[in-house]
PDB file of N, CA and C in Angstrom:
ATOM      1  N   MET A   1      66.744 255.938 103.907  1.00  0.00           N
ATOM      2  CA  MET A   1      66.387 255.079 105.024  1.00  0.00           C
ATOM      3  C   MET A   1      67.405 253.939 105.099  1.00  0.00           C
ATOM      4  N   PRO A   2      67.987 253.653 106.267  1.00  0.00           N
ATOM      5  CA  PRO A   2      68.967 252.568 106.388  1.00  0.00           C
ATOM      6  C   PRO A   2      68.296 251.208 106.232  1.00  0.00           C
ATOM      7  N   ALA A   3      69.054 250.232 105.758  1.00  0.00           N
ATOM      8  CA  ALA A   3      68.538 248.871 105.613  1.00  0.00           C
ATOM      9  C   ALA A   3      68.252 248.288 106.988  1.00  0.00           C
ATOM     10  N   LEU A   4      67.203 247.471 107.065  1.00  0.00           N
ATOM     11  CA  LEU A   4      66.869 246.806 108.318  1.00  0.00           C
ATOM     12  C   LEU A   4      67.892 245.722 108.615  1.00  0.00           C
ATOM     13  N   GLN A   5      68.299 245.610 109.854  1.00  0.00           N
ATOM     14  CA  GLN A   5      69.220 244.570 110.270  1.00  0.00           C
ATOM     15  C   GLN A   5      68.418 243.333 110.677  1.00  0.00           C
ATOM     16  N   PRO A   6      68.931 242.128 110.372  1.00  0.00           N
ATOM     17  CA  PRO A   6      68.210 240.921 110.773  1.00  0.00           C
ATOM     18  C   PRO A   6      68.106 240.832 112.286  1.00  0.00           C
ATOM     19  N   LEU A   7      67.015 240.253 112.740  1.00  0.00           N
ATOM     20  CA  LEU A   7      66.792 240.106 114.170  1.00  0.00           C
ATOM     21  C   LEU A   7      67.618 238.975 114.763  1.00  0.00           C
ATOM     22  N   ALA A   8      67.887 237.946 113.972  1.00  0.00           N
ATOM     23  CA  ALA A   8      68.680 236.806 114.442  1.00  0.00           C
ATOM     24  C   ALA A   8      69.132 235.999 113.238  1.00  0.00           C
ATOM     25  N   ARG A   9      70.250 235.297 113.410  1.00  0.00           N
ATOM     26  CA  ARG A   9      70.778 234.452 112.329  1.00  0.00           C
ATOM     27  C   ARG A   9      71.371 233.205 112.962  1.00  0.00           C
ATOM     28  N   LEU A  10      71.021 232.055 112.413  1.00  0.00           N
ATOM     29  CA  LEU A  10      71.558 230.772 112.865  1.00  0.00           C
ATOM     30  C   LEU A  10      72.282 230.123 111.697  1.00  0.00           C
ATOM     31  N   THR A  11      73.425 229.504 111.958  1.00  0.00           N
ATOM     32  CA  THR A  11      74.223 228.863 110.911  1.00  0.00           C
ATOM     33  C   THR A  11      74.710 227.510 111.404  1.00  0.00           C
ATOM     34  N   ASP A  12      74.620 226.511 110.521  1.00  0.00           N
ATOM     35  CA  ASP A  12      75.117 225.167 110.818  1.00  0.00           C
ATOM     36  C   ASP A  12      75.677 224.551 109.553  1.00  0.00           C
ATOM     37  N   GLN A  13      76.525 223.552 109.742  1.00  0.00           N
ATOM     38  CA  GLN A  13      77.015 222.761 108.627  1.00  0.00           C
ATOM     39  C   GLN A  13      76.334 221.413 108.669  1.00  0.00           C
ATOM     40  N   VAL A  14      76.048 220.881 107.478  1.00  0.00           N
ATOM     41  CA  VAL A  14      75.333 219.614 107.361  1.00  0.00           C
ATOM     42  C   VAL A  14      75.784 218.918 106.086  1.00  0.00           C
ATOM     43  N   HIS A  15      75.795 217.601 106.106  1.00  0.00           N
ATOM     44  CA  HIS A  15      76.050 216.831 104.893  1.00  0.00           C
ATOM     45  C   HIS A  15      74.682 216.451 104.320  1.00  0.00           C
ATOM     46  N   ALA A  16      74.413 216.891 103.103  1.00  0.00           N
ATOM     47  CA  ALA A  16      73.114 216.624 102.480  1.00  0.00           C
ATOM     48  C   ALA A  16      72.951 215.131 102.219  1.00  0.00           C
ATOM     49  N   GLY A  17      71.760 214.646 102.515  1.00  0.00           N
ATOM     50  CA  GLY A  17      71.444 213.248 102.255  1.00  0.00           C
ATOM     51  C   GLY A  17      71.266 212.991 100.765  1.00  0.00           C
ATOM     52  N   PRO A  18      70.991 211.736 100.400  1.00  0.00           N
ATOM     53  CA  PRO A  18      70.817 211.380  98.991  1.00  0.00           C
ATOM     54  C   PRO A  18      69.762 212.262  98.322  1.00  0.00           C
ATOM     55  N   GLY A  19      70.117 212.851  97.204  1.00  0.00           N
ATOM     56  CA  GLY A  19      69.195 213.744  96.499  1.00  0.00           C
ATOM     57  C   GLY A  19      69.424 215.199  96.817  1.00  0.00           C
ATOM     58  N   GLY A  20      70.186 215.505  97.866  1.00  0.00           N
ATOM     59  CA  GLY A  20      70.592 216.870  98.169  1.00  0.00           C
ATOM     60  C   GLY A  20      69.489 217.815  98.569  1.00  0.00           C
ATOM     61  N   ALA A  21      69.745 219.097  98.338  1.00  0.00           N
ATOM     62  CA  ALA A  21      68.823 220.177  98.700  1.00  0.00           C
ATOM     63  C   ALA A  21      68.510 220.992  97.445  1.00  0.00           C
ATOM     64  N   MET A  22      67.262 221.387  97.281  1.00  0.00           N
ATOM     65  CA  MET A  22      66.822 222.130  96.103  1.00  0.00           C
ATOM     66  C   MET A  22      66.964 223.629  96.332  1.00  0.00           C
ATOM     67  N   THR A  23      67.733 224.280  95.461  1.00  0.00           N
ATOM     68  CA  THR A  23      67.886 225.725  95.541  1.00  0.00           C
ATOM     69  C   THR A  23      67.124 226.396  94.405  1.00  0.00           C
ATOM     70  N   VAL A  24      66.834 227.664  94.597  1.00  0.00           N
ATOM     71  CA  VAL A  24      66.145 228.445  93.565  1.00  0.00           C
ATOM     72  C   VAL A  24      67.090 228.704  92.396  1.00  0.00           C
ATOM     73  N   GLU A  25      68.322 229.079  92.690  1.00  0.00           N
ATOM     74  CA  GLU A  25      69.246 229.542  91.662  1.00  0.00           C
ATOM     75  C   GLU A  25      70.006 228.435  90.938  1.00  0.00           C
ATOM     76  N   ALA A  26      70.333 227.350  91.635  1.00  0.00           N
ATOM     77  CA  ALA A  26      71.234 226.346  91.053  1.00  0.00           C
ATOM     78  C   ALA A  26      70.639 224.946  90.982  1.00  0.00           C
ATOM     79  N   GLY A  27      69.377 224.777  91.339  1.00  0.00           N
ATOM     80  CA  GLY A  27      68.801 223.438  91.373  1.00  0.00           C
ATOM     81  C   GLY A  27      69.324 222.681  92.580  1.00  0.00           C
ATOM     82  N   VAL A  28      69.485 221.379  92.424  1.00  0.00           N
ATOM     83  CA  VAL A  28      69.902 220.526  93.542  1.00  0.00           C
ATOM     84  C   VAL A  28      71.402 220.678  93.778  1.00  0.00           C
ATOM     85  N   ILE A  29      71.768 220.852  95.059  1.00  0.00           N
ATOM     86  CA  ILE A  29      73.175 220.799  95.441  1.00  0.00           C
ATOM     87  C   ILE A  29      73.336 219.715  96.499  1.00  0.00           C
ATOM     88  N   THR A  30      74.516 219.117  96.522  1.00  0.00           N
ATOM     89  CA  THR A  30      74.769 217.977  97.399  1.00  0.00           C
ATOM     90  C   THR A  30      76.094 218.163  98.128  1.00  0.00           C
ATOM     91  N   GLY A  31      76.360 217.264  99.045  1.00  0.00           N
ATOM     92  CA  GLY A  31      77.645 217.272  99.739  1.00  0.00           C
ATOM     93  C   GLY A  31      77.602 218.033 101.038  1.00  0.00           C
ATOM     94  N   ASP A  32      78.754 218.580 101.425  1.00  0.00           N
ATOM     95  CA  ASP A  32      78.876 219.333 102.673  1.00  0.00           C
ATOM     96  C   ASP A  32      78.391 220.755 102.438  1.00  0.00           C
ATOM     97  N   LEU A  33      77.359 221.146 103.174  1.00  0.00           N
ATOM     98  CA  LEU A  33      76.706 222.436 102.980  1.00  0.00           C
ATOM     99  C   LEU A  33      76.686 223.235 104.273  1.00  0.00           C
ATOM    100  N   THR A  34      76.666 224.544 104.133  1.00  0.00           N
ATOM    101  CA  THR A  34      76.450 225.454 105.245  1.00  0.00           C
ATOM    102  C   THR A  34      75.066 226.051 105.059  1.00  0.00           C
ATOM    103  N   VAL A  35      74.270 226.028 106.121  1.00  0.00           N
ATOM    104  CA  VAL A  35      72.884 226.499 106.097  1.00  0.00           C
ATOM    105  C   VAL A  35      72.765 227.690 107.032  1.00  0.00           C
ATOM    106  N   THR A  36      72.164 228.772 106.536  1.00  0.00           N
ATOM    107  CA  THR A  36      71.933 229.952 107.366  1.00  0.00           C
ATOM    108  C   THR A  36      70.456 230.310 107.312  1.00  0.00           C
ATOM    109  N   THR A  37      69.862 230.509 108.478  1.00  0.00           N
ATOM    110  CA  THR A  37      68.474 230.932 108.602  1.00  0.00           C
ATOM    111  C   THR A  37      68.488 232.309 109.256  1.00  0.00           C
ATOM    112  N   THR A  38      67.964 233.302 108.538  1.00  0.00           N
ATOM    113  CA  THR A  38      67.986 234.684 109.000  1.00  0.00           C
ATOM    114  C   THR A  38      66.573 235.162 109.250  1.00  0.00           C
ATOM    115  N   ASN A  39      66.314 235.612 110.471  1.00  0.00           N
ATOM    116  CA  ASN A  39      65.001 236.120 110.841  1.00  0.00           C
ATOM    117  C   ASN A  39      64.818 237.507 110.247  1.00  0.00           C
ATOM    118  N   LEU A  40      63.752 237.678 109.484  1.00  0.00           N
ATOM    119  CA  LEU A  40      63.424 238.965 108.885  1.00  0.00           C
ATOM    120  C   LEU A  40      62.168 239.561 109.508  1.00  0.00           C
ATOM    121  N   GLY A  41      61.759 239.032 110.641  1.00  0.00           N
ATOM    122  CA  GLY A  41      60.530 239.480 111.302  1.00  0.00           C
ATOM    123  C   GLY A  41      59.535 238.335 111.331  1.00  0.00           C
ATOM    124  N   THR A  42      58.529 238.402 110.476  1.00  0.00           N
ATOM    125  CA  THR A  42      57.538 237.324 110.424  1.00  0.00           C
ATOM    126  C   THR A  42      57.990 236.187 109.520  1.00  0.00           C
ATOM    127  N   HIS A  43      59.023 236.416 108.706  1.00  0.00           N
ATOM    128  CA  HIS A  43      59.550 235.413 107.785  1.00  0.00           C
ATOM    129  C   HIS A  43      61.045 235.227 108.018  1.00  0.00           C
ATOM    130  N   ALA A  44      61.559 234.131 107.490  1.00  0.00           N
ATOM    131  CA  ALA A  44      62.986 233.845 107.581  1.00  0.00           C
ATOM    132  C   ALA A  44      63.521 233.516 106.189  1.00  0.00           C
ATOM    133  N   GLU A  45      64.714 234.005 105.920  1.00  0.00           N
ATOM    134  CA  GLU A  45      65.403 233.685 104.678  1.00  0.00           C
ATOM    135  C   GLU A  45      66.347 232.519 104.967  1.00  0.00           C
ATOM    136  N   ILE A  46      66.245 231.458 104.159  1.00  0.00           N
ATOM    137  CA  ILE A  46      67.112 230.300 104.332  1.00  0.00           C
ATOM    138  C   ILE A  46      68.028 230.216 103.117  1.00  0.00           C
ATOM    139  N   THR A  47      69.333 230.314 103.369  1.00  0.00           N
ATOM    140  CA  THR A  47      70.316 230.229 102.301  1.00  0.00           C
ATOM    141  C   THR A  47      71.289 229.104 102.601  1.00  0.00           C
ATOM    142  N   ILE A  48      71.826 228.521 101.519  1.00  0.00           N
ATOM    143  CA  ILE A  48      72.792 227.433 101.669  1.00  0.00           C
ATOM    144  C   ILE A  48      73.938 227.662 100.690  1.00  0.00           C
ATOM    145  N   GLN A  49      75.067 227.076 101.024  1.00  0.00           N
ATOM    146  CA  GLN A  49      76.230 227.134 100.151  1.00  0.00           C
ATOM    147  C   GLN A  49      77.021 225.858 100.331  1.00  0.00           C
ATOM    148  N   TYR A  50      77.832 225.547  99.310  1.00  0.00           N
ATOM    149  CA  TYR A  50      78.823 224.510  99.520  1.00  0.00           C
ATOM    150  C   TYR A  50      79.765 225.044 100.588  1.00  0.00           C
ATOM    151  N   THR A  51      80.024 224.273 101.619  1.00  0.00           N
ATOM    152  CA  THR A  51      80.877 224.732 102.703  1.00  0.00           C
ATOM    153  C   THR A  51      82.225 225.198 102.150  1.00  0.00           C
ATOM    154  N   GLY A  52      82.578 226.434 102.488  1.00  0.00           N
ATOM    155  CA  GLY A  52      83.829 227.016 102.050  1.00  0.00           C
ATOM    156  C   GLY A  52      83.745 227.797 100.745  1.00  0.00           C
ATOM    157  N   ALA A  53      82.607 227.739 100.055  1.00  0.00           N
ATOM    158  CA  ALA A  53      82.442 228.462  98.788  1.00  0.00           C
ATOM    159  C   ALA A  53      82.026 229.909  99.056  1.00  0.00           C
ATOM    160  N   ASP A  54      82.037 230.726  98.019  1.00  0.00           N
ATOM    161  CA  ASP A  54      81.620 232.124  98.138  1.00  0.00           C
ATOM    162  C   ASP A  54      80.143 232.320  97.814  1.00  0.00           C
ATOM    163  N   GLU A  55      79.592 231.497  96.943  1.00  0.00           N
ATOM    164  CA  GLU A  55      78.222 231.687  96.471  1.00  0.00           C
ATOM    165  C   GLU A  55      77.200 231.116  97.457  1.00  0.00           C
ATOM    166  N   TRP A  56      76.137 231.886  97.678  1.00  0.00           N
ATOM    167  CA  TRP A  56      75.016 231.454  98.502  1.00  0.00           C
ATOM    168  C   TRP A  56      73.797 231.297  97.608  1.00  0.00           C
ATOM    169  N   TYR A  57      72.950 230.326  97.935  1.00  0.00           N
ATOM    170  CA  TYR A  57      71.734 230.055  97.182  1.00  0.00           C
ATOM    171  C   TYR A  57      70.549 230.037  98.140  1.00  0.00           C
ATOM    172  N   HIS A  58      69.381 230.438  97.650  1.00  0.00           N
ATOM    173  CA  HIS A  58      68.161 230.367  98.455  1.00  0.00           C
ATOM    174  C   HIS A  58      67.595 228.950  98.381  1.00  0.00           C
ATOM    175  N   LEU A  59      67.279 228.392  99.532  1.00  0.00           N
ATOM    176  CA  LEU A  59      66.626 227.095  99.564  1.00  0.00           C
ATOM    177  C   LEU A  59      65.213 227.262  99.022  1.00  0.00           C
ATOM    178  N   GLN A  60      64.769 226.313  98.197  1.00  0.00           N
ATOM    179  CA  GLN A  60      63.416 226.369  97.636  1.00  0.00           C
ATOM    180  C   GLN A  60      62.405 226.535  98.765  1.00  0.00           C
ATOM    181  N   GLY A  61      61.530 227.522  98.650  1.00  0.00           N
ATOM    182  CA  GLY A  61      60.530 227.801  99.684  1.00  0.00           C
ATOM    183  C   GLY A  61      60.899 228.963 100.581  1.00  0.00           C
ATOM    184  N   SER A  62      62.085 229.524 100.387  1.00  0.00           N
ATOM    185  CA  SER A  62      62.528 230.676 101.176  1.00  0.00           C
ATOM    186  C   SER A  62      62.170 231.950 100.431  1.00  0.00           C
ATOM    187  N   PRO A  63      61.706 232.973 101.132  1.00  0.00           N
ATOM    188  CA  PRO A  63      61.528 233.080 102.578  1.00  0.00           C
ATOM    189  C   PRO A  63      60.309 232.285 103.042  1.00  0.00           C
ATOM    190  N   ALA A  64      60.384 231.836 104.279  1.00  0.00           N
ATOM    191  CA  ALA A  64      59.329 231.020 104.874  1.00  0.00           C
ATOM    192  C   ALA A  64      58.832 231.694 106.142  1.00  0.00           C
ATOM    193  N   PRO A  65      57.556 231.505 106.468  1.00  0.00           N
ATOM    194  CA  PRO A  65      57.050 232.068 107.728  1.00  0.00           C
ATOM    195  C   PRO A  65      57.781 231.475 108.926  1.00  0.00           C
ATOM    196  N   VAL A  66      58.074 232.304 109.901  1.00  0.00           N
ATOM    197  CA  VAL A  66      58.651 231.813 111.152  1.00  0.00           C
ATOM    198  C   VAL A  66      57.509 231.179 111.937  1.00  0.00           C
ATOM    199  N   PRO A  67      57.623 229.887 112.279  1.00  0.00           N
ATOM    200  CA  PRO A  67      56.533 229.221 112.987  1.00  0.00           C
ATOM    201  C   PRO A  67      56.404 229.719 114.426  1.00  0.00           C
ATOM    202  N   GLN A  68      55.306 229.390 115.034  1.00  0.00           N
ATOM    203  CA  GLN A  68      55.067 229.780 116.426  1.00  0.00           C
ATOM    204  C   GLN A  68      56.168 229.245 117.337  1.00  0.00           C
ATOM    205  N   ALA A  69      56.761 228.099 116.981  1.00  0.00           N
ATOM    206  CA  ALA A  69      57.831 227.511 117.789  1.00  0.00           C
ATOM    207  C   ALA A  69      59.126 228.319 117.699  1.00  0.00           C
ATOM    208  N   GLY A  70      59.232 229.225 116.712  1.00  0.00           N
ATOM    209  CA  GLY A  70      60.358 230.136 116.643  1.00  0.00           C
ATOM    210  C   GLY A  70      61.387 229.807 115.575  1.00  0.00           C
ATOM    211  N   LEU A  71      62.346 230.707 115.447  1.00  0.00           N
ATOM    212  CA  LEU A  71      63.390 230.617 114.427  1.00  0.00           C
ATOM    213  C   LEU A  71      64.258 229.375 114.608  1.00  0.00           C
ATOM    214  N   THR A  72      64.601 229.055 115.848  1.00  0.00           N
ATOM    215  CA  THR A  72      65.458 227.899 116.099  1.00  0.00           C
ATOM    216  C   THR A  72      64.784 226.615 115.624  1.00  0.00           C
ATOM    217  N   ALA A  73      63.493 226.474 115.888  1.00  0.00           N
ATOM    218  CA  ALA A  73      62.759 225.284 115.443  1.00  0.00           C
ATOM    219  C   ALA A  73      62.760 225.196 113.921  1.00  0.00           C
ATOM    220  N   LEU A  74      62.542 226.319 113.242  1.00  0.00           N
ATOM    221  CA  LEU A  74      62.572 226.330 111.777  1.00  0.00           C
ATOM    222  C   LEU A  74      63.957 225.941 111.274  1.00  0.00           C
ATOM    223  N   HIS A  75      64.987 226.539 111.840  1.00  0.00           N
ATOM    224  CA  HIS A  75      66.350 226.260 111.391  1.00  0.00           C
ATOM    225  C   HIS A  75      66.679 224.774 111.508  1.00  0.00           C
ATOM    226  N   TYR A  76      66.384 224.177 112.649  1.00  0.00           N
ATOM    227  CA  TYR A  76      66.730 222.767 112.825  1.00  0.00           C
ATOM    228  C   TYR A  76      65.839 221.845 112.016  1.00  0.00           C
ATOM    229  N   ALA A  77      64.616 222.259 111.702  1.00  0.00           N
ATOM    230  CA  ALA A  77      63.774 221.483 110.776  1.00  0.00           C
ATOM    231  C   ALA A  77      64.394 221.496 109.380  1.00  0.00           C
ATOM    232  N   VAL A  78      64.929 222.649 108.969  1.00  0.00           N
ATOM    233  CA  VAL A  78      65.605 222.754 107.673  1.00  0.00           C
ATOM    234  C   VAL A  78      66.870 221.885 107.664  1.00  0.00           C
ATOM    235  N   VAL A  79      67.683 221.982 108.700  1.00  0.00           N
ATOM    236  CA  VAL A  79      68.913 221.183 108.779  1.00  0.00           C
ATOM    237  C   VAL A  79      68.576 219.693 108.702  1.00  0.00           C
ATOM    238  N   ASP A  80      67.567 219.255 109.446  1.00  0.00           N
ATOM    239  CA  ASP A  80      67.169 217.838 109.425  1.00  0.00           C
ATOM    240  C   ASP A  80      66.668 217.426 108.050  1.00  0.00           C
ATOM    241  N   ALA A  81      65.909 218.304 107.390  1.00  0.00           N
ATOM    242  CA  ALA A  81      65.394 217.992 106.055  1.00  0.00           C
ATOM    243  C   ALA A  81      66.536 217.858 105.054  1.00  0.00           C
ATOM    244  N   ILE A  82      67.518 218.739 105.122  1.00  0.00           N
ATOM    245  CA  ILE A  82      68.669 218.651 104.217  1.00  0.00           C
ATOM    246  C   ILE A  82      69.460 217.385 104.498  1.00  0.00           C
ATOM    247  N   ARG A  83      69.622 217.050 105.756  1.00  0.00           N
ATOM    248  CA  ARG A  83      70.333 215.819 106.128  1.00  0.00           C
ATOM    249  C   ARG A  83      69.621 214.594 105.546  1.00  0.00           C
ATOM    250  N   SER A  84      68.291 214.660 105.439  1.00  0.00           N
ATOM    251  CA  SER A  84      67.512 213.557 104.865  1.00  0.00           C
ATOM    252  C   SER A  84      67.620 213.504 103.344  1.00  0.00           C
ATOM    253  N   GLY A  85      67.842 214.663 102.709  1.00  0.00           N
ATOM    254  CA  GLY A  85      68.020 214.714 101.260  1.00  0.00           C
ATOM    255  C   GLY A  85      66.710 214.760 100.505  1.00  0.00           C
ATOM    256  N   ALA A  86      66.659 214.021  99.395  1.00  0.00           N
ATOM    257  CA  ALA A  86      65.478 213.932  98.527  1.00  0.00           C
ATOM    258  C   ALA A  86      65.120 215.259  97.880  1.00  0.00           C
ATOM    259  N   ALA A  87      66.138 216.043  97.494  1.00  0.00           N
ATOM    260  CA  ALA A  87      65.927 217.346  96.837  1.00  0.00           C
ATOM    261  C   ALA A  87      65.003 218.222  97.668  1.00  0.00           C
ATOM    262  N   THR A  88      65.254 218.268  98.950  1.00  0.00           N
ATOM    263  CA  THR A  88      64.390 218.968  99.875  1.00  0.00           C
ATOM    264  C   THR A  88      64.437 220.488  99.687  1.00  0.00           C
ATOM    265  N   GLY A  89      63.336 221.110 100.055  1.00  0.00           N
ATOM    266  CA  GLY A  89      63.273 222.550 100.188  1.00  0.00           C
ATOM    267  C   GLY A  89      62.938 222.845 101.640  1.00  0.00           C
ATOM    268  N   VAL A  90      62.338 223.995 101.892  1.00  0.00           N
ATOM    269  CA  VAL A  90      61.927 224.346 103.253  1.00  0.00           C
ATOM    270  C   VAL A  90      60.780 223.418 103.642  1.00  0.00           C
ATOM    271  N   PRO A  91      60.889 222.714 104.767  1.00  0.00           N
ATOM    272  CA  PRO A  91      59.782 221.839 105.194  1.00  0.00           C
ATOM    273  C   PRO A  91      58.576 222.642 105.634  1.00  0.00           C
ATOM    274  N   HIS A  92      57.405 222.084 105.418  1.00  0.00           N
ATOM    275  CA  HIS A  92      56.152 222.765 105.796  1.00  0.00           C
ATOM    276  C   HIS A  92      55.676 222.303 107.143  1.00  0.00           C
TER     277      HIS A  92
END
């Protein structure tokens, strides 16, 4: 059976606020980050990386349910939370 293709993917760059963003694999990361939110149907996978790096990390709380407002609303809530910092994960 072929792998399912994502329904949509959004990517942005953001500078993490004080305290950075909490990842599952590497703990807190800070600085200039690239954030990708991938729609997997009812849930979305949120991954981040140091901008320009090869390694991607899952943001704490990913995968997260796609809210009724949609994938774009979730993505920009994540971007805003990372911009705020405080070792953020996926906002609820």
